[in-house]
PDB file of N, CA and C in Angstrom:
ATOM      1  N   MET A   1       0.851  -1.175   0.000  1.00  0.00           N
ATOM      2  CA  MET A   1       0.000   0.000   0.000  1.00  0.00           C
ATOM      3  C   MET A   1       0.897   1.237   0.000  1.00  0.00           C
ATOM      4  N   ALA A   2       0.584   2.195  -0.840  1.00  0.00           N
ATOM      5  CA  ALA A   2       1.375   3.427  -0.943  1.00  0.00           C
ATOM      6  C   ALA A   2       1.045   4.362   0.219  1.00  0.00           C
ATOM      7  N   VAL A   3       2.057   5.034   0.722  1.00  0.00           N
ATOM      8  CA  VAL A   3       1.881   6.001   1.806  1.00  0.00           C
ATOM      9  C   VAL A   3       1.449   7.329   1.203  1.00  0.00           C
ATOM     10  N   LYS A   4       0.407   7.902   1.767  1.00  0.00           N
ATOM     11  CA  LYS A   4      -0.089   9.184   1.284  1.00  0.00           C
ATOM     12  C   LYS A   4       0.659  10.304   1.996  1.00  0.00           C
ATOM     13  N   ARG A   5       1.454  11.026   1.268  1.00  0.00           N
ATOM     14  CA  ARG A   5       2.226  12.117   1.855  1.00  0.00           C
ATOM     15  C   ARG A   5       1.380  13.369   2.032  1.00  0.00           C
ATOM     16  N   GLY A   6       0.430  13.557   1.184  1.00  0.00           N
ATOM     17  CA  GLY A   6      -0.390  14.765   1.206  1.00  0.00           C
ATOM     18  C   GLY A   6      -1.182  14.928   2.484  1.00  0.00           C
ATOM     19  N   HIS A   7      -1.622  13.825   3.084  1.00  0.00           N
ATOM     20  CA  HIS A   7      -2.447  13.893   4.285  1.00  0.00           C
ATOM     21  C   HIS A   7      -1.717  14.600   5.413  1.00  0.00           C
ATOM     22  N   SER A   8      -0.484  14.205   5.654  1.00  0.00           N
ATOM     23  CA  SER A   8       0.298  14.823   6.725  1.00  0.00           C
ATOM     24  C   SER A   8       0.514  16.309   6.451  1.00  0.00           C
ATOM     25  N   ASN A   9       0.852  16.654   5.206  1.00  0.00           N
ATOM     26  CA  ASN A   9       1.069  18.050   4.849  1.00  0.00           C
ATOM     27  C   ASN A   9      -0.213  18.862   4.991  1.00  0.00           C
ATOM     28  N   CYS A  10      -1.328  18.257   4.657  1.00  0.00           N
ATOM     29  CA  CYS A  10      -2.616  18.932   4.778  1.00  0.00           C
ATOM     30  C   CYS A  10      -2.902  19.245   6.246  1.00  0.00           C
ATOM     31  N   ILE A  11      -2.738  18.266   7.116  1.00  0.00           N
ATOM     32  CA  ILE A  11      -2.974  18.454   8.545  1.00  0.00           C
ATOM     33  C   ILE A  11      -2.042  19.520   9.107  1.00  0.00           C
ATOM     34  N   ASP A  12      -0.777  19.498   8.675  1.00  0.00           N
ATOM     35  CA  ASP A  12       0.195  20.487   9.145  1.00  0.00           C
ATOM     36  C   ASP A  12      -0.190  21.905   8.745  1.00  0.00           C
ATOM     37  N   THR A  13      -0.903  22.038   7.656  1.00  0.00           N
ATOM     38  CA  THR A  13      -1.357  23.349   7.203  1.00  0.00           C
ATOM     39  C   THR A  13      -2.689  23.720   7.834  1.00  0.00           C
ATOM     40  N   VAL A  14      -3.595  22.775   7.897  1.00  0.00           N
ATOM     41  CA  VAL A  14      -4.949  23.064   8.362  1.00  0.00           C
ATOM     42  C   VAL A  14      -5.002  23.368   9.867  1.00  0.00           C
ATOM     43  N   LYS A  15      -4.234  22.674  10.676  1.00  0.00           N
ATOM     44  CA  LYS A  15      -4.285  22.912  12.128  1.00  0.00           C
ATOM     45  C   LYS A  15      -3.967  24.358  12.499  1.00  0.00           C
ATOM     46  N   PRO A  16      -2.839  24.927  12.030  1.00  0.00           N
ATOM     47  CA  PRO A  16      -2.575  26.324  12.373  1.00  0.00           C
ATOM     48  C   PRO A  16      -3.583  27.300  11.753  1.00  0.00           C
ATOM     49  N   LEU A  17      -4.092  26.974  10.553  1.00  0.00           N
ATOM     50  CA  LEU A  17      -5.136  27.809   9.958  1.00  0.00           C
ATOM     51  C   LEU A  17      -6.380  27.807  10.829  1.00  0.00           C
ATOM     52  N   ARG A  18      -6.748  26.638  11.311  1.00  0.00           N
ATOM     53  CA  ARG A  18      -7.920  26.516  12.178  1.00  0.00           C
ATOM     54  C   ARG A  18      -7.714  27.318  13.469  1.00  0.00           C
ATOM     55  N   ASP A  19      -6.506  27.239  14.033  1.00  0.00           N
ATOM     56  CA  ASP A  19      -6.202  28.015  15.241  1.00  0.00           C
ATOM     57  C   ASP A  19      -6.369  29.509  14.982  1.00  0.00           C
ATOM     58  N   ALA A  20      -5.846  29.976  13.848  1.00  0.00           N
ATOM     59  CA  ALA A  20      -5.944  31.397  13.505  1.00  0.00           C
ATOM     60  C   ALA A  20      -7.403  31.804  13.310  1.00  0.00           C
ATOM     61  N   LEU A  21      -8.139  30.989  12.580  1.00  0.00           N
ATOM     62  CA  LEU A  21      -9.543  31.319  12.331  1.00  0.00           C
ATOM     63  C   LEU A  21     -10.370  31.274  13.604  1.00  0.00           C
ATOM     64  N   ASP A  22     -10.024  30.404  14.536  1.00  0.00           N
ATOM     65  CA  ASP A  22     -10.736  30.352  15.811  1.00  0.00           C
ATOM     66  C   ASP A  22     -10.616  31.681  16.572  1.00  0.00           C
ATOM     67  N   VAL A  23      -9.503  32.375  16.386  1.00  0.00           N
ATOM     68  CA  VAL A  23      -9.282  33.642  17.085  1.00  0.00           C
ATOM     69  C   VAL A  23      -9.978  34.796  16.376  1.00  0.00           C
ATOM     70  N   ILE A  24      -9.897  34.872  15.056  1.00  0.00           N
ATOM     71  CA  ILE A  24     -10.428  36.032  14.330  1.00  0.00           C
ATOM     72  C   ILE A  24     -11.744  35.753  13.615  1.00  0.00           C
ATOM     73  N   ASN A  25     -12.275  34.556  13.785  1.00  0.00           N
ATOM     74  CA  ASN A  25     -13.504  34.162  13.110  1.00  0.00           C
ATOM     75  C   ASN A  25     -14.694  34.961  13.621  1.00  0.00           C
ATOM     76  N   GLY A  26     -15.658  35.108  12.777  1.00  0.00           N
ATOM     77  CA  GLY A  26     -16.909  35.747  13.163  1.00  0.00           C
ATOM     78  C   GLY A  26     -17.076  37.095  12.484  1.00  0.00           C
ATOM     79  N   LYS A  27     -18.236  37.623  12.674  1.00  0.00           N
ATOM     80  CA  LYS A  27     -18.633  38.854  12.008  1.00  0.00           C
ATOM     81  C   LYS A  27     -17.951  40.090  12.596  1.00  0.00           C
ATOM     82  N   TRP A  28     -17.571  40.037  13.875  1.00  0.00           N
ATOM     83  CA  TRP A  28     -17.198  41.261  14.568  1.00  0.00           C
ATOM     84  C   TRP A  28     -15.733  41.396  14.954  1.00  0.00           C
ATOM     85  N   LYS A  29     -14.981  40.313  15.050  1.00  0.00           N
ATOM     86  CA  LYS A  29     -13.625  40.401  15.601  1.00  0.00           C
ATOM     87  C   LYS A  29     -12.711  41.309  14.782  1.00  0.00           C
ATOM     88  N   LEU A  30     -12.634  41.109  13.480  1.00  0.00           N
ATOM     89  CA  LEU A  30     -11.755  41.945  12.662  1.00  0.00           C
ATOM     90  C   LEU A  30     -12.200  43.405  12.648  1.00  0.00           C
ATOM     91  N   PRO A  31     -13.496  43.704  12.526  1.00  0.00           N
ATOM     92  CA  PRO A  31     -13.888  45.110  12.619  1.00  0.00           C
ATOM     93  C   PRO A  31     -13.504  45.751  13.960  1.00  0.00           C
ATOM     94  N   ILE A  32     -13.579  45.002  15.046  1.00  0.00           N
ATOM     95  CA  ILE A  32     -13.188  45.537  16.354  1.00  0.00           C
ATOM     96  C   ILE A  32     -11.685  45.792  16.382  1.00  0.00           C
ATOM     97  N   ILE A  33     -10.908  44.842  15.901  1.00  0.00           N
ATOM     98  CA  ILE A  33      -9.454  45.002  15.869  1.00  0.00           C
ATOM     99  C   ILE A  33      -9.071  46.221  15.026  1.00  0.00           C
ATOM    100  N   VAL A  34      -9.706  46.375  13.878  1.00  0.00           N
ATOM    101  CA  VAL A  34      -9.428  47.513  13.005  1.00  0.00           C
ATOM    102  C   VAL A  34      -9.842  48.820  13.693  1.00  0.00           C
ATOM    103  N   SER A  35     -11.011  48.841  14.316  1.00  0.00           N
ATOM    104  CA  SER A  35     -11.495  50.037  14.994  1.00  0.00           C
ATOM    105  C   SER A  35     -10.534  50.498  16.084  1.00  0.00           C
ATOM    106  N   ILE A  36     -10.092  49.560  16.909  1.00  0.00           N
ATOM    107  CA  ILE A  36      -9.148  49.907  17.972  1.00  0.00           C
ATOM    108  C   ILE A  36      -7.811  50.323  17.357  1.00  0.00           C
ATOM    109  N   GLY A  37      -7.422  49.649  16.301  1.00  0.00           N
ATOM    110  CA  GLY A  37      -6.160  49.952  15.637  1.00  0.00           C
ATOM    111  C   GLY A  37      -6.093  51.354  15.054  1.00  0.00           C
ATOM    112  N   VAL A  38      -7.238  51.904  14.655  1.00  0.00           N
ATOM    113  CA  VAL A  38      -7.252  53.261  14.102  1.00  0.00           C
ATOM    114  C   VAL A  38      -7.471  54.323  15.174  1.00  0.00           C
ATOM    115  N   GLY A  39      -7.552  53.894  16.438  1.00  0.00           N
ATOM    116  CA  GLY A  39      -7.585  54.878  17.515  1.00  0.00           C
ATOM    117  C   GLY A  39      -8.846  54.966  18.344  1.00  0.00           C
ATOM    118  N   ASN A  40      -9.843  54.180  18.037  1.00  0.00           N
ATOM    119  CA  ASN A  40     -11.040  54.178  18.878  1.00  0.00           C
ATOM    120  C   ASN A  40     -10.732  53.384  20.144  1.00  0.00           C
ATOM    121  N   ASP A  41     -10.652  54.073  21.279  1.00  0.00           N
ATOM    122  CA  ASP A  41     -10.215  53.389  22.493  1.00  0.00           C
ATOM    123  C   ASP A  41     -11.295  53.268  23.561  1.00  0.00           C
ATOM    124  N   ARG A  42     -12.413  53.940  23.364  1.00  0.00           N
ATOM    125  CA  ARG A  42     -13.507  53.838  24.335  1.00  0.00           C
ATOM    126  C   ARG A  42     -14.599  52.928  23.787  1.00  0.00           C
ATOM    127  N   PHE A  43     -15.292  52.254  24.678  1.00  0.00           N
ATOM    128  CA  PHE A  43     -16.335  51.306  24.299  1.00  0.00           C
ATOM    129  C   PHE A  43     -17.321  51.960  23.329  1.00  0.00           C
ATOM    130  N   SER A  44     -17.807  53.158  23.686  1.00  0.00           N
ATOM    131  CA  SER A  44     -18.813  53.815  22.839  1.00  0.00           C
ATOM    132  C   SER A  44     -18.254  54.195  21.470  1.00  0.00           C
ATOM    133  N   ASP A  45     -16.968  54.582  21.415  1.00  0.00           N
ATOM    134  CA  ASP A  45     -16.360  54.916  20.125  1.00  0.00           C
ATOM    135  C   ASP A  45     -16.233  53.674  19.242  1.00  0.00           C
ATOM    136  N   ILE A  46     -15.848  52.565  19.858  1.00  0.00           N
ATOM    137  CA  ILE A  46     -15.745  51.309  19.111  1.00  0.00           C
ATOM    138  C   ILE A  46     -17.121  50.899  18.606  1.00  0.00           C
ATOM    139  N   ARG A  47     -18.109  50.940  19.494  1.00  0.00           N
ATOM    140  CA  ARG A  47     -19.482  50.567  19.125  1.00  0.00           C
ATOM    141  C   ARG A  47     -19.998  51.442  17.990  1.00  0.00           C
ATOM    142  N   ASP A  48     -19.766  52.747  18.090  1.00  0.00           N
ATOM    143  CA  ASP A  48     -20.273  53.673  17.067  1.00  0.00           C
ATOM    144  C   ASP A  48     -19.572  53.498  15.718  1.00  0.00           C
ATOM    145  N   SER A  49     -18.359  52.968  15.729  1.00  0.00           N
ATOM    146  CA  SER A  49     -17.620  52.803  14.475  1.00  0.00           C
ATOM    147  C   SER A  49     -17.977  51.518  13.738  1.00  0.00           C
ATOM    148  N   ILE A  50     -18.766  50.653  14.384  1.00  0.00           N
ATOM    149  CA  ILE A  50     -19.118  49.365  13.781  1.00  0.00           C
ATOM    150  C   ILE A  50     -20.647  49.260  13.700  1.00  0.00           C
ATOM    151  N   PRO A  51     -21.226  49.597  12.557  1.00  0.00           N
ATOM    152  CA  PRO A  51     -22.684  49.548  12.427  1.00  0.00           C
ATOM    153  C   PRO A  51     -23.246  48.160  12.694  1.00  0.00           C
ATOM    154  N   GLY A  52     -24.291  48.122  13.502  1.00  0.00           N
ATOM    155  CA  GLY A  52     -25.009  46.870  13.735  1.00  0.00           C
ATOM    156  C   GLY A  52     -24.567  46.064  14.938  1.00  0.00           C
ATOM    157  N   ILE A  53     -23.438  46.391  15.548  1.00  0.00           N
ATOM    158  CA  ILE A  53     -22.983  45.606  16.699  1.00  0.00           C
ATOM    159  C   ILE A  53     -23.737  46.059  17.946  1.00  0.00           C
ATOM    160  N   THR A  54     -24.141  45.103  18.754  1.00  0.00           N
ATOM    161  CA  THR A  54     -24.836  45.434  19.987  1.00  0.00           C
ATOM    162  C   THR A  54     -23.830  45.550  21.131  1.00  0.00           C
ATOM    163  N   PRO A  55     -24.171  46.300  22.172  1.00  0.00           N
ATOM    164  CA  PRO A  55     -23.256  46.410  23.317  1.00  0.00           C
ATOM    165  C   PRO A  55     -22.912  45.057  23.935  1.00  0.00           C
ATOM    166  N   LYS A  56     -23.877  44.159  24.008  1.00  0.00           N
ATOM    167  CA  LYS A  56     -23.632  42.843  24.597  1.00  0.00           C
ATOM    168  C   LYS A  56     -22.612  42.054  23.771  1.00  0.00           C
ATOM    169  N   VAL A  57     -22.772  42.060  22.472  1.00  0.00           N
ATOM    170  CA  VAL A  57     -21.853  41.339  21.590  1.00  0.00           C
ATOM    171  C   VAL A  57     -20.471  41.991  21.633  1.00  0.00           C
ATOM    172  N   LEU A  58     -20.428  43.323  21.618  1.00  0.00           N
ATOM    173  CA  LEU A  58     -19.149  44.024  21.675  1.00  0.00           C
ATOM    174  C   LEU A  58     -18.405  43.665  22.959  1.00  0.00           C
ATOM    175  N   ALA A  59     -19.101  43.670  24.089  1.00  0.00           N
ATOM    176  CA  ALA A  59     -18.457  43.328  25.363  1.00  0.00           C
ATOM    177  C   ALA A  59     -17.886  41.915  25.330  1.00  0.00           C
ATOM    178  N   LYS A  60     -18.634  40.967  24.770  1.00  0.00           N
ATOM    179  CA  LYS A  60     -18.160  39.582  24.686  1.00  0.00           C
ATOM    180  C   LYS A  60     -16.938  39.469  23.782  1.00  0.00           C
ATOM    181  N   GLU A  61     -17.003  40.114  22.631  1.00  0.00           N
ATOM    182  CA  GLU A  61     -15.896  40.032  21.679  1.00  0.00           C
ATOM    183  C   GLU A  61     -14.644  40.719  22.224  1.00  0.00           C
ATOM    184  N   LEU A  62     -14.802  41.843  22.917  1.00  0.00           N
ATOM    185  CA  LEU A  62     -13.659  42.512  23.532  1.00  0.00           C
ATOM    186  C   LEU A  62     -12.988  41.601  24.551  1.00  0.00           C
ATOM    187  N   LYS A  63     -13.808  40.901  25.335  1.00  0.00           N
ATOM    188  CA  LYS A  63     -13.263  39.970  26.335  1.00  0.00           C
ATOM    189  C   LYS A  63     -12.479  38.854  25.645  1.00  0.00           C
ATOM    190  N   ASP A  64     -13.033  38.305  24.553  1.00  0.00           N
ATOM    191  CA  ASP A  64     -12.337  37.250  23.806  1.00  0.00           C
ATOM    192  C   ASP A  64     -11.005  37.751  23.255  1.00  0.00           C
ATOM    193  N   LEU A  65     -11.012  38.936  22.667  1.00  0.00           N
ATOM    194  CA  LEU A  65      -9.783  39.489  22.100  1.00  0.00           C
ATOM    195  C   LEU A  65      -8.752  39.783  23.176  1.00  0.00           C
ATOM    196  N   GLU A  66      -9.217  40.177  24.347  1.00  0.00           N
ATOM    197  CA  GLU A  66      -8.307  40.401  25.473  1.00  0.00           C
ATOM    198  C   GLU A  66      -7.690  39.078  25.933  1.00  0.00           C
ATOM    199  N   GLU A  67      -8.492  38.032  25.996  1.00  0.00           N
ATOM    200  CA  GLU A  67      -7.989  36.710  26.391  1.00  0.00           C
ATOM    201  C   GLU A  67      -6.931  36.193  25.414  1.00  0.00           C
ATOM    202  N   HIS A  68      -7.066  36.559  24.147  1.00  0.00           N
ATOM    203  CA  HIS A  68      -6.097  36.134  23.133  1.00  0.00           C
ATOM    204  C   HIS A  68      -4.926  37.110  23.007  1.00  0.00           C
ATOM    205  N   LYS A  69      -4.883  38.092  23.914  1.00  0.00           N
ATOM    206  CA  LYS A  69      -3.769  39.047  24.007  1.00  0.00           C
ATOM    207  C   LYS A  69      -3.608  39.914  22.763  1.00  0.00           C
ATOM    208  N   LEU A  70      -4.741  40.215  22.114  1.00  0.00           N
ATOM    209  CA  LEU A  70      -4.715  41.104  20.954  1.00  0.00           C
ATOM    210  C   LEU A  70      -5.045  42.540  21.350  1.00  0.00           C
ATOM    211  N   ILE A  71      -5.808  42.707  22.420  1.00  0.00           N
ATOM    212  CA  ILE A  71      -6.118  44.039  22.919  1.00  0.00           C
ATOM    213  C   ILE A  71      -5.878  44.078  24.419  1.00  0.00           C
ATOM    214  N   LYS A  72      -5.754  45.296  24.918  1.00  0.00           N
ATOM    215  CA  LYS A  72      -5.548  45.491  26.346  1.00  0.00           C
ATOM    216  C   LYS A  72      -6.652  46.391  26.876  1.00  0.00           C
ATOM    217  N   ARG A  73      -7.211  45.999  27.998  1.00  0.00           N
ATOM    218  CA  ARG A  73      -8.254  46.770  28.675  1.00  0.00           C
ATOM    219  C   ARG A  73      -7.605  47.466  29.862  1.00  0.00           C
ATOM    220  N   THR A  74      -7.735  48.788  29.904  1.00  0.00           N
ATOM    221  CA  THR A  74      -7.151  49.572  30.983  1.00  0.00           C
ATOM    222  C   THR A  74      -8.243  50.365  31.683  1.00  0.00           C
ATOM    223  N   VAL A  75      -8.294  50.245  33.007  1.00  0.00           N
ATOM    224  CA  VAL A  75      -9.251  51.005  33.804  1.00  0.00           C
ATOM    225  C   VAL A  75      -8.525  52.234  34.340  1.00  0.00           C
ATOM    226  N   VAL A  76      -9.058  53.407  33.992  1.00  0.00           N
ATOM    227  CA  VAL A  76      -8.477  54.665  34.435  1.00  0.00           C
ATOM    228  C   VAL A  76      -9.328  55.187  35.579  1.00  0.00           C
ATOM    229  N   GLY A  77      -8.700  55.329  36.752  1.00  0.00           N
ATOM    230  CA  GLY A  77      -9.427  55.778  37.933  1.00  0.00           C
ATOM    231  C   GLY A  77      -9.922  57.201  37.790  1.00  0.00           C
ATOM    232  N   GLY A  78     -10.671  57.605  38.745  1.00  0.00           N
ATOM    233  CA  GLY A  78     -11.255  58.935  38.725  1.00  0.00           C
ATOM    234  C   GLY A  78     -12.754  58.814  38.670  1.00  0.00           C
ATOM    235  N   TYR A  79     -13.397  59.952  38.521  1.00  0.00           N
ATOM    236  CA  TYR A  79     -14.841  59.929  38.434  1.00  0.00           C
ATOM    237  C   TYR A  79     -15.266  60.634  37.177  1.00  0.00           C
ATOM    238  N   PRO A  80     -15.977  60.013  36.317  1.00  0.00           N
ATOM    239  CA  PRO A  80     -16.308  58.592  36.334  1.00  0.00           C
ATOM    240  C   PRO A  80     -15.112  57.746  35.888  1.00  0.00           C
ATOM    241  N   VAL A  81     -15.156  56.486  36.255  1.00  0.00           N
ATOM    242  CA  VAL A  81     -14.107  55.555  35.848  1.00  0.00           C
ATOM    243  C   VAL A  81     -14.161  55.414  34.330  1.00  0.00           C
ATOM    244  N   GLN A  82     -13.002  55.408  33.712  1.00  0.00           N
ATOM    245  CA  GLN A  82     -12.928  55.232  32.263  1.00  0.00           C
ATOM    246  C   GLN A  82     -12.272  53.896  31.946  1.00  0.00           C
ATOM    247  N   ILE A  83     -12.797  53.228  30.944  1.00  0.00           N
ATOM    248  CA  ILE A  83     -12.196  51.981  30.475  1.00  0.00           C
ATOM    249  C   ILE A  83     -11.735  52.228  29.043  1.00  0.00           C
ATOM    250  N   LEU A  84     -10.443  51.973  28.805  1.00  0.00           N
ATOM    251  CA  LEU A  84      -9.854  52.197  27.488  1.00  0.00           C
ATOM    252  C   LEU A  84      -9.355  50.882  26.914  1.00  0.00           C
ATOM    253  N   TYR A  85      -9.490  50.740  25.612  1.00  0.00           N
ATOM    254  CA  TYR A  85      -9.019  49.557  24.907  1.00  0.00           C
ATOM    255  C   TYR A  85      -7.940  49.980  23.915  1.00  0.00           C
ATOM    256  N   THR A  86      -6.830  49.270  23.940  1.00  0.00           N
ATOM    257  CA  THR A  86      -5.736  49.542  23.016  1.00  0.00           C
ATOM    258  C   THR A  86      -5.255  48.231  22.412  1.00  0.00           C
ATOM    259  N   SER A  87      -4.631  48.353  21.253  1.00  0.00           N
ATOM    260  CA  SER A  87      -4.059  47.169  20.602  1.00  0.00           C
ATOM    261  C   SER A  87      -2.779  46.777  21.319  1.00  0.00           C
ATOM    262  N   GLU A  88      -2.604  45.499  21.495  1.00  0.00           N
ATOM    263  CA  GLU A  88      -1.324  44.988  21.989  1.00  0.00           C
ATOM    264  C   GLU A  88      -0.373  44.919  20.792  1.00  0.00           C
ATOM    265  N   ALA A  89       0.915  44.947  21.053  1.00  0.00           N
ATOM    266  CA  ALA A  89       1.902  44.850  19.974  1.00  0.00           C
ATOM    267  C   ALA A  89       1.679  43.574  19.156  1.00  0.00           C
ATOM    268  N   TYR A  90       1.238  42.529  19.833  1.00  0.00           N
ATOM    269  CA  TYR A  90       0.970  41.250  19.169  1.00  0.00           C
ATOM    270  C   TYR A  90      -0.074  41.408  18.062  1.00  0.00           C
ATOM    271  N   ALA A  91      -1.035  42.317  18.239  1.00  0.00           N
ATOM    272  CA  ALA A  91      -2.088  42.527  17.241  1.00  0.00           C
ATOM    273  C   ALA A  91      -1.512  43.062  15.933  1.00  0.00           C
ATOM    274  N   ASP A  92      -0.353  43.721  16.009  1.00  0.00           N
ATOM    275  CA  ASP A  92       0.275  44.232  14.789  1.00  0.00           C
ATOM    276  C   ASP A  92       0.618  43.112  13.815  1.00  0.00           C
ATOM    277  N   SER A  93       0.808  41.902  14.342  1.00  0.00           N
ATOM    278  CA  SER A  93       1.111  40.778  13.462  1.00  0.00           C
ATOM    279  C   SER A  93      -0.072  40.433  12.562  1.00  0.00           C
ATOM    280  N   LEU A  94      -1.261  40.938  12.886  1.00  0.00           N
ATOM    281  CA  LEU A  94      -2.440  40.703  12.049  1.00  0.00           C
ATOM    282  C   LEU A  94      -2.550  41.708  10.905  1.00  0.00           C
ATOM    283  N   THR A  95      -1.800  42.793  10.954  1.00  0.00           N
ATOM    284  CA  THR A  95      -1.917  43.841   9.934  1.00  0.00           C
ATOM    285  C   THR A  95      -1.742  43.298   8.519  1.00  0.00           C
ATOM    286  N   PRO A  96      -0.683  42.531   8.231  1.00  0.00           N
ATOM    287  CA  PRO A  96      -0.572  42.016   6.860  1.00  0.00           C
ATOM    288  C   PRO A  96      -1.703  41.055   6.503  1.00  0.00           C
ATOM    289  N   VAL A  97      -2.213  40.339   7.483  1.00  0.00           N
ATOM    290  CA  VAL A  97      -3.332  39.421   7.236  1.00  0.00           C
ATOM    291  C   VAL A  97      -4.582  40.217   6.872  1.00  0.00           C
ATOM    292  N   VAL A  98      -4.843  41.283   7.617  1.00  0.00           N
ATOM    293  CA  VAL A  98      -6.014  42.121   7.358  1.00  0.00           C
ATOM    294  C   VAL A  98      -5.930  42.729   5.958  1.00  0.00           C
ATOM    295  N   TYR A  99      -4.758  43.270   5.609  1.00  0.00           N
ATOM    296  CA  TYR A  99      -4.608  43.869   4.283  1.00  0.00           C
ATOM    297  C   TYR A  99      -4.696  42.818   3.178  1.00  0.00           C
ATOM    298  N   ALA A 100      -4.168  41.635   3.416  1.00  0.00           N
ATOM    299  CA  ALA A 100      -4.260  40.564   2.417  1.00  0.00           C
ATOM    300  C   ALA A 100      -5.717  40.140   2.230  1.00  0.00           C
ATOM    301  N   LEU A 101      -6.457  40.015   3.324  1.00  0.00           N
ATOM    302  CA  LEU A 101      -7.873  39.656   3.230  1.00  0.00           C
ATOM    303  C   LEU A 101      -8.669  40.759   2.539  1.00  0.00           C
ATOM    304  N   LYS A 102      -8.337  42.016   2.839  1.00  0.00           N
ATOM    305  CA  LYS A 102      -9.008  43.145   2.178  1.00  0.00           C
ATOM    306  C   LYS A 102      -8.771  43.087   0.674  1.00  0.00           C
ATOM    307  N   GLU A 103      -7.526  42.897   0.276  1.00  0.00           N
ATOM    308  CA  GLU A 103      -7.179  42.835  -1.143  1.00  0.00           C
ATOM    309  C   GLU A 103      -7.885  41.660  -1.818  1.00  0.00           C
ATOM    310  N   TRP A 104      -7.876  40.516  -1.167  1.00  0.00           N
ATOM    311  CA  TRP A 104      -8.535  39.343  -1.725  1.00  0.00           C
ATOM    312  C   TRP A 104     -10.033  39.612  -1.867  1.00  0.00           C
ATOM    313  N   GLY A 105     -10.624  40.233  -0.844  1.00  0.00           N
ATOM    314  CA  GLY A 105     -12.051  40.541  -0.882  1.00  0.00           C
ATOM    315  C   GLY A 105     -12.409  41.491  -2.012  1.00  0.00           C
ATOM    316  N   LEU A 106     -11.584  42.517  -2.219  1.00  0.00           N
ATOM    317  CA  LEU A 106     -11.828  43.446  -3.321  1.00  0.00           C
ATOM    318  C   LEU A 106     -11.726  42.731  -4.670  1.00  0.00           C
ATOM    319  N   ASN A 107     -10.705  41.906  -4.823  1.00  0.00           N
ATOM    320  CA  ASN A 107     -10.545  41.150  -6.071  1.00  0.00           C
ATOM    321  C   ASN A 107     -11.692  40.173  -6.277  1.00  0.00           C
ATOM    322  N   HIS A 108     -12.094  39.516  -5.215  1.00  0.00           N
ATOM    323  CA  HIS A 108     -13.187  38.543  -5.312  1.00  0.00           C
ATOM    324  C   HIS A 108     -14.496  39.241  -5.686  1.00  0.00           C
ATOM    325  N   ARG A 109     -14.757  40.357  -5.019  1.00  0.00           N
ATOM    326  CA  ARG A 109     -15.979  41.114  -5.317  1.00  0.00           C
ATOM    327  C   ARG A 109     -15.985  41.535  -6.784  1.00  0.00           C
ATOM    328  N   SER A 110     -14.841  42.003  -7.267  1.00  0.00           N
ATOM    329  CA  SER A 110     -14.721  42.409  -8.657  1.00  0.00           C
ATOM    330  C   SER A 110     -14.977  41.230  -9.600  1.00  0.00           C
ATOM    331  N   LYS A 111     -14.392  40.082  -9.260  1.00  0.00           N
ATOM    332  CA  LYS A 111     -14.546  38.899 -10.095  1.00  0.00           C
ATOM    333  C   LYS A 111     -16.007  38.435 -10.134  1.00  0.00           C
ATOM    334  N   ILE A 112     -16.648  38.416  -8.978  1.00  0.00           N
ATOM    335  CA  ILE A 112     -18.026  37.919  -8.900  1.00  0.00           C
ATOM    336  C   ILE A 112     -19.012  38.866  -9.565  1.00  0.00           C
ATOM    337  N   PHE A 113     -18.809  40.176  -9.375  1.00  0.00           N
ATOM    338  CA  PHE A 113     -19.795  41.143  -9.861  1.00  0.00           C
ATOM    339  C   PHE A 113     -19.444  41.767 -11.209  1.00  0.00           C
ATOM    340  N   SER A 114     -18.300  41.391 -11.763  1.00  0.00           N
ATOM    341  CA  SER A 114     -17.955  41.943 -13.081  1.00  0.00           C
ATOM    342  C   SER A 114     -18.722  41.186 -14.159  1.00  0.00           C
ATOM    343  N   ALA A 115     -19.005  41.885 -15.204  1.00  0.00           N
ATOM    344  CA  ALA A 115     -19.711  41.255 -16.334  1.00  0.00           C
ATOM    345  C   ALA A 115     -18.682  40.523 -17.189  1.00  0.00           C
ATOM    346  N   GLU A 116     -18.731  39.219 -17.159  1.00  0.00           N
ATOM    347  CA  GLU A 116     -17.787  38.413 -17.953  1.00  0.00           C
ATOM    348  C   GLU A 116     -18.493  37.782 -19.106  1.00  0.00           C
TER     349      GLU A 116
END
């Protein structure tokens, strides 16, 4: 029986892809990362920059991104207490991925909607 080499290579590729997608998957994670990356650091600013996101979903997604060390939540004392969200340096590693996905999306949209 011949040994299938492709199976091992496929698994070696798919596992890390699955790990990456588990972190950034979903409708809201990348828009939140982008919003914080462009300077929106308060909950309301992030919420207002992403049409359609609810406060409950935003709070959950922020917590997930914090657990994955992509954003940092800082509580600033005083009255009233302020909570600020900033990108961790680790999140910068997603920048080329975001731009690559954007470029692919633009090309795909063009391909699908162009009259051929």
